[in-house]
């Protein structure tokens, strides 16, 4: 593991954290509250941002490894690869949650969640791809 991978992980983790705050915390709050089971959600006062940051850093590290192993060549390449990982992992989780829980009201918000995750991971991947290849 090199410094570039670790720094791009940090960048990607911060991008994911900020996008999550913007998208889920501000733009889609009402939609997600109306379409997910709120009985399992913590009150906002008990939200632990450190755990969320750790989650985002781990997700960004997976993307950083993929971009490093595939010799990603640009921000657009980083976006495409990360968005594909996000889309397929998001859809897999959507069907998994839908099959064994009542978290989502139907498959529709689960798939919306998957598409949002793909977008968020894609944007983080673009930032990471740009960082990894700056100056080349």
C-alpha atoms as a PDB file:
ATOM      1  CA  UNK A   1       0.000   0.000   0.000  1.00  0.00           C
ATOM      2  CA  UNK A   2       1.390   3.382  -0.938  1.00  0.00           C
ATOM      3  CA  UNK A   3       0.844   6.968   0.131  1.00  0.00           C
ATOM      4  CA  UNK A   4      -1.159   7.783  -2.992  1.00  0.00           C
ATOM      5  CA  UNK A   5      -3.649   5.001  -2.187  1.00  0.00           C
ATOM      6  CA  UNK A   6      -4.019   6.167   1.409  1.00  0.00           C
ATOM      7  CA  UNK A   7      -4.445   9.837   0.479  1.00  0.00           C
ATOM      8  CA  UNK A   8      -6.971   9.003  -2.231  1.00  0.00           C
ATOM      9  CA  UNK A   9      -8.845   6.906   0.356  1.00  0.00           C
ATOM     10  CA  UNK A  10      -8.981   9.924   2.641  1.00  0.00           C
ATOM     11  CA  UNK A  11     -10.237  12.127  -0.214  1.00  0.00           C
ATOM     12  CA  UNK A  12     -12.853   9.564  -1.236  1.00  0.00           C
ATOM     13  CA  UNK A  13     -14.003   9.072   2.350  1.00  0.00           C
ATOM     14  CA  UNK A  14     -14.483  12.792   2.848  1.00  0.00           C
ATOM     15  CA  UNK A  15     -16.350  13.108  -0.462  1.00  0.00           C
ATOM     16  CA  UNK A  16     -18.662  10.236   0.526  1.00  0.00           C
ATOM     17  CA  UNK A  17     -19.278  11.747   3.955  1.00  0.00           C
ATOM     18  CA  UNK A  18     -20.149  15.163   2.517  1.00  0.00           C
ATOM     19  CA  UNK A  19     -22.315  13.747  -0.276  1.00  0.00           C
ATOM     20  CA  UNK A  20     -24.158  11.548   2.226  1.00  0.00           C
ATOM     21  CA  UNK A  21     -24.828  14.573   4.402  1.00  0.00           C
ATOM     22  CA  UNK A  22     -26.051  16.571   1.397  1.00  0.00           C
ATOM     23  CA  UNK A  23     -28.118  13.854  -0.299  1.00  0.00           C
ATOM     24  CA  UNK A  24     -29.493  11.854   2.621  1.00  0.00           C
ATOM     25  CA  UNK A  25     -29.256  14.484   5.335  1.00  0.00           C
ATOM     26  CA  UNK A  26     -30.782  17.345   3.375  1.00  0.00           C
ATOM     27  CA  UNK A  27     -32.204  16.536  -0.066  1.00  0.00           C
ATOM     28  CA  UNK A  28     -33.836  13.125   0.451  1.00  0.00           C
ATOM     29  CA  UNK A  29     -34.587  13.154   4.177  1.00  0.00           C
ATOM     30  CA  UNK A  30     -38.363  13.235   3.708  1.00  0.00           C
ATOM     31  CA  UNK A  31     -38.324  10.602   0.948  1.00  0.00           C
ATOM     32  CA  UNK A  32     -36.207   8.171   2.951  1.00  0.00           C
ATOM     33  CA  UNK A  33     -38.217   8.731   6.129  1.00  0.00           C
ATOM     34  CA  UNK A  34     -41.449   8.041   4.240  1.00  0.00           C
ATOM     35  CA  UNK A  35     -40.100   4.881   2.570  1.00  0.00           C
ATOM     36  CA  UNK A  36     -38.032   3.178   5.256  1.00  0.00           C
ATOM     37  CA  UNK A  37     -38.813   1.665   8.644  1.00  0.00           C
ATOM     38  CA  UNK A  38     -38.064   4.382  11.168  1.00  0.00           C
ATOM     39  CA  UNK A  39     -38.359   2.058  14.165  1.00  0.00           C
ATOM     40  CA  UNK A  40     -34.747   0.937  13.670  1.00  0.00           C
ATOM     41  CA  UNK A  41     -33.306   4.413  13.106  1.00  0.00           C
ATOM     42  CA  UNK A  42     -31.453   6.295  15.817  1.00  0.00           C
ATOM     43  CA  UNK A  43     -32.696   9.755  16.698  1.00  0.00           C
ATOM     44  CA  UNK A  44     -30.579  12.381  14.950  1.00  0.00           C
ATOM     45  CA  UNK A  45     -29.118  13.456  18.301  1.00  0.00           C
ATOM     46  CA  UNK A  46     -27.585   9.968  18.645  1.00  0.00           C
ATOM     47  CA  UNK A  47     -26.076   9.856  15.147  1.00  0.00           C
ATOM     48  CA  UNK A  48     -22.398   8.921  15.387  1.00  0.00           C
ATOM     49  CA  UNK A  49     -20.489  10.770  12.660  1.00  0.00           C
ATOM     50  CA  UNK A  50     -17.245   8.966  13.506  1.00  0.00           C
ATOM     51  CA  UNK A  51     -18.765   5.573  12.682  1.00  0.00           C
ATOM     52  CA  UNK A  52     -20.141   6.987   9.449  1.00  0.00           C
ATOM     53  CA  UNK A  53     -16.727   8.399   8.549  1.00  0.00           C
ATOM     54  CA  UNK A  54     -15.115   5.017   9.226  1.00  0.00           C
ATOM     55  CA  UNK A  55     -17.719   3.358   6.978  1.00  0.00           C
ATOM     56  CA  UNK A  56     -17.031   5.904   4.240  1.00  0.00           C
ATOM     57  CA  UNK A  57     -13.267   5.466   4.537  1.00  0.00           C
ATOM     58  CA  UNK A  58     -13.596   1.691   4.217  1.00  0.00           C
ATOM     59  CA  UNK A  59     -15.788   2.093   1.124  1.00  0.00           C
ATOM     60  CA  UNK A  60     -13.297   4.553  -0.340  1.00  0.00           C
ATOM     61  CA  UNK A  61     -10.441   2.150   0.368  1.00  0.00           C
ATOM     62  CA  UNK A  62     -12.156  -0.560  -1.696  1.00  0.00           C
ATOM     63  CA  UNK A  63     -12.427   1.923  -4.563  1.00  0.00           C
ATOM     64  CA  UNK A  64      -8.809   3.007  -4.096  1.00  0.00           C
ATOM     65  CA  UNK A  65      -7.669  -0.607  -4.355  1.00  0.00           C
ATOM     66  CA  UNK A  66      -9.718  -1.162  -7.509  1.00  0.00           C
ATOM     67  CA  UNK A  67      -8.381   2.019  -9.110  1.00  0.00           C
ATOM     68  CA  UNK A  68      -4.812   1.115  -8.154  1.00  0.00           C
ATOM     69  CA  UNK A  69      -5.060  -2.468  -9.372  1.00  0.00           C
ATOM     70  CA  UNK A  70      -6.682  -1.440 -12.657  1.00  0.00           C
ATOM     71  CA  UNK A  71      -4.267   1.441 -13.300  1.00  0.00           C
ATOM     72  CA  UNK A  72      -7.070   3.965 -13.491  1.00  0.00           C
ATOM     73  CA  UNK A  73      -6.089   6.755 -15.827  1.00  0.00           C
ATOM     74  CA  UNK A  74      -8.397   9.680 -15.101  1.00  0.00           C
ATOM     75  CA  UNK A  75     -11.220  11.155 -13.097  1.00  0.00           C
ATOM     76  CA  UNK A  76     -13.738   9.818 -15.631  1.00  0.00           C
ATOM     77  CA  UNK A  77     -12.227   6.348 -15.425  1.00  0.00           C
ATOM     78  CA  UNK A  78     -12.442   6.554 -11.629  1.00  0.00           C
ATOM     79  CA  UNK A  79     -16.083   7.646 -11.865  1.00  0.00           C
ATOM     80  CA  UNK A  80     -17.026   4.777 -14.206  1.00  0.00           C
ATOM     81  CA  UNK A  81     -15.305   2.059 -12.208  1.00  0.00           C
ATOM     82  CA  UNK A  82     -16.504   3.270  -8.816  1.00  0.00           C
ATOM     83  CA  UNK A  83     -20.066   3.861 -10.051  1.00  0.00           C
ATOM     84  CA  UNK A  84     -20.231   0.327 -11.444  1.00  0.00           C
ATOM     85  CA  UNK A  85     -19.035  -1.086  -8.121  1.00  0.00           C
ATOM     86  CA  UNK A  86     -21.554   1.122  -6.342  1.00  0.00           C
ATOM     87  CA  UNK A  87     -24.421   0.175  -8.615  1.00  0.00           C
ATOM     88  CA  UNK A  88     -23.921  -3.578  -8.382  1.00  0.00           C
ATOM     89  CA  UNK A  89     -23.140  -3.604  -4.661  1.00  0.00           C
ATOM     90  CA  UNK A  90     -26.088  -1.269  -4.047  1.00  0.00           C
ATOM     91  CA  UNK A  91     -28.506  -3.436  -6.025  1.00  0.00           C
ATOM     92  CA  UNK A  92     -27.197  -6.554  -4.281  1.00  0.00           C
ATOM     93  CA  UNK A  93     -27.776  -4.947  -0.877  1.00  0.00           C
ATOM     94  CA  UNK A  94     -31.215  -3.681  -1.951  1.00  0.00           C
ATOM     95  CA  UNK A  95     -32.379  -7.172  -2.852  1.00  0.00           C
ATOM     96  CA  UNK A  96     -30.746  -8.598   0.260  1.00  0.00           C
ATOM     97  CA  UNK A  97     -32.514  -6.114   2.527  1.00  0.00           C
ATOM     98  CA  UNK A  98     -35.787  -6.569   0.664  1.00  0.00           C
ATOM     99  CA  UNK A  99     -35.562 -10.358   0.983  1.00  0.00           C
ATOM    100  CA  UNK A 100     -35.007 -10.488   4.739  1.00  0.00           C
ATOM    101  CA  UNK A 101     -36.233  -7.282   6.319  1.00  0.00           C
ATOM    102  CA  UNK A 102     -38.894  -4.640   6.359  1.00  0.00           C
ATOM    103  CA  UNK A 103     -36.430  -1.775   6.179  1.00  0.00           C
ATOM    104  CA  UNK A 104     -37.757  -0.517   2.831  1.00  0.00           C
ATOM    105  CA  UNK A 105     -41.485  -0.131   2.150  1.00  0.00           C
ATOM    106  CA  UNK A 106     -40.996  -1.704  -1.296  1.00  0.00           C
ATOM    107  CA  UNK A 107     -38.258  -2.499  -3.778  1.00  0.00           C
ATOM    108  CA  UNK A 108     -38.528   0.993  -5.338  1.00  0.00           C
ATOM    109  CA  UNK A 109     -36.839   2.960  -2.527  1.00  0.00           C
ATOM    110  CA  UNK A 110     -34.266   0.182  -2.239  1.00  0.00           C
ATOM    111  CA  UNK A 111     -33.352   0.643  -5.897  1.00  0.00           C
ATOM    112  CA  UNK A 112     -33.358   4.433  -5.507  1.00  0.00           C
ATOM    113  CA  UNK A 113     -30.929   3.950  -2.643  1.00  0.00           C
ATOM    114  CA  UNK A 114     -28.738   1.752  -4.875  1.00  0.00           C
ATOM    115  CA  UNK A 115     -28.652   4.372  -7.647  1.00  0.00           C
ATOM    116  CA  UNK A 116     -27.770   7.089  -5.129  1.00  0.00           C
ATOM    117  CA  UNK A 117     -24.959   4.918  -3.766  1.00  0.00           C
ATOM    118  CA  UNK A 118     -23.665   4.376  -7.305  1.00  0.00           C
ATOM    119  CA  UNK A 119     -23.670   8.134  -7.911  1.00  0.00           C
ATOM    120  CA  UNK A 120     -21.961   8.878  -4.599  1.00  0.00           C
ATOM    121  CA  UNK A 121     -19.298   6.241  -5.109  1.00  0.00           C
ATOM    122  CA  UNK A 122     -18.821   7.441  -8.696  1.00  0.00           C
ATOM    123  CA  UNK A 123     -18.194  11.025  -7.595  1.00  0.00           C
ATOM    124  CA  UNK A 124     -15.791   9.809  -4.908  1.00  0.00           C
ATOM    125  CA  UNK A 125     -14.086   7.606  -7.520  1.00  0.00           C
ATOM    126  CA  UNK A 126     -13.723  10.595  -9.845  1.00  0.00           C
ATOM    127  CA  UNK A 127     -12.034  12.618  -7.107  1.00  0.00           C
ATOM    128  CA  UNK A 128      -9.814   9.669  -6.278  1.00  0.00           C
ATOM    129  CA  UNK A 129      -8.971   8.973  -9.933  1.00  0.00           C
ATOM    130  CA  UNK A 130      -8.099  12.624 -10.442  1.00  0.00           C
ATOM    131  CA  UNK A 131      -5.867  12.632  -7.360  1.00  0.00           C
ATOM    132  CA  UNK A 132      -4.112   9.405  -8.290  1.00  0.00           C
ATOM    133  CA  UNK A 133      -3.312  10.658 -11.782  1.00  0.00           C
ATOM    134  CA  UNK A 134      -2.633  14.336 -11.294  1.00  0.00           C
ATOM    135  CA  UNK A 135       0.575  15.447 -12.929  1.00  0.00           C
ATOM    136  CA  UNK A 136       0.712  12.525 -15.373  1.00  0.00           C
END
